[in-house]
Amino acid sequence: MSFKKKLTVCSLLAIMSLGQLAGMSVCAPAEAASPSRPQASRLLPDTTVGVLTIFNARDAVDRFMTTSLGKMLQDPQMKPVVDSLYGSLGQMVDEAKDQIGLGLGELLALPQGEVVLAIVAPKDSPPALVILMYVGDQIANARKLLDRGTAELEKAGATKSEESVGDTKLTVFDNLPGRQQRAVYFEKDSNIVIGTDVGVLRGLLDNWGGPKGLTLAENPRYAGIINRCRWGKDDKPQAVWFVDPIGLARALARGNTQAQLSLAVLPALGLDGLTAIGGTVALDVGGFESITQAHISLESPRSGVIKMIAFEPVDPTPERWVPADVAGYTTFKWNIETTYSTLGVLYDSFRGEGAFGRDLLERMVGATGLEFDKDLLPALEGRITIVNWIQRPITIDSQVQLYGLKLKDTELAAKSLEKLAEKFADRMTRKSTSGKEYFQIEVPRGRPAPQQPAAEQPQPEPPRNQPSPPQPCIGILDDYLIMTTRPALYEKVVRTFTEKGSTLADELDFKLVSSRIQRSTRGLKPVLVR
């Protein structure tokens, strides 16, 4: 496995719990996609509830083409497939060329710098869509596209009007067909801006020469997310995204009584505590195909469903039993006790006291003969590790998964596992490898198809290459409860642990990933690493 490909599998995902961070300035990549105007975060108003910014579209495309997927699309063996897809799209665009005025190649060449898609929630009007694109030397083709669009809208019965903000002309269309009743656009400094609210676009123009009011950059929720996304001069992201989910939901619910009633339930569930989510994406960065940072902002103290999101900081170092040749590695830490107790309180508040244990635990866990809160929960430490591995030789059954649950009471876990083995003695077979015992579970095959009368018997079909049933294995290794979908992986992790074989933690590739995590988080501890 090549270095670059492996780092794609181990790309960074850090999810942090944030508080409200007010009064922060937003750090963004220094390259201005349009040198004559501020970046989008200083144009858009502070009422923006969702935004995706690609700082330089041409650079992002060039970097994407160096990734595994980009190289695959350029592979000569993939050319027939790519040509078929591209050709079909090109044919559709060519058929509509009379309406849009441009061919596919000309359309794809329009973005020359920053591209922004945003949703703004004005206080007294419906949410507005804003699309901003720097077209640079493609301004002539952009004008041609807008002129054709204007002609088509007027032909459809839209009413066109114009107004000016300073030296910039806004073109407004009212009475549009369909539900959207208004559209507006303007051109300025080789930028094309399209929206659905005249007031919002006027505000963008007011901020063009410098902010005249509060902007997205001064929105504490946006600032809190973006300032937690760390990068250096050599690994600046190509894209930034941000969503204020509650603000977006409230904006969409305006004028809709049923939707507003649904929103009224959010505080009871604690969902109003989800204040923001967002992050960055960097492509082709120092040997990494991509580095993705994602952050979730939660109010404190948490309650309800939000309290159930009980992530805790995790050590990204792989466990001693993780083999070096894994195809994928994910680890995170979850406070299971907090989630369990909060879920119980929340469920009982709707269904009555004791309903959680009666309706869920007895049905789901009781069938195993174990009591979750006595036999399982006290044994779990909270760290969960997921491993993907490819068994050789390659067959339809080669993909194997492992799930590891870290234990704080291995003795209790062992007793619970023995109880399970006694109850299902006909399905759980005790085995041993490298001196470590485990159980292999027999999975019943699906029911055979009902027999038909001889006269109605269909012609036999040729045998199909279908995957065989899984052969789950479960056991305790070191201080982990290990579960795998095939015996080969369970035996391999035991050998790795007992014989001190080559581990993922020893691999140079992972050490480079770990170093990158430390540099990217700069003291902030991730709760999930993948």
Foldseek 3Di string as FASTA:
>chain_A
DDLQLLLQQQFWEFADEAAQFAPFFFDAAPDAQQVQFDDQQLLFFQQWFKKKKQFFVVVVLVLLCPHPVNVVCVDPVCVVVNCVVVVVVQVVQVVCCVQQVDGPVLVVLQAGGMWMWTWGQDPPDFIKIKIKGQRPPSLVSVVSRVVSVVVVQVVQPWDWDWDDDVPWIKIKTACGPDDQGIKIWTDDSRMIMIMRDPVRVSSSVVCGNHHPDHGNSRNSQSRRWNVQFFDDNQFGFRMKIKGQPLSNQVSNCVPPVVSVVVNVCCVVQQNNQFGMKMWTWTAPGPSYRIHIYIYTYGHPPGAHPVQLQAWDFDDPQDDLLAAQQFSHKKKFFGLNVSNVVRVQVSVCVPVNHPCCCVVPCCVPVVVLVDRCVPQPNQFFPGMKMKTWHADPPHAPQRTKMKIKTFTPCVPSNVVSVVSSCVVPVVFWDWDDAPRFIKTKGHDDDDDDDDDDPPVPDDDDDDDDRDDDAFTWMWDDDDRIIMIMRHVVSVNSSNCSNPVVDHHNSPDPSVVVVVVVVCNRSVPDGGRMTD
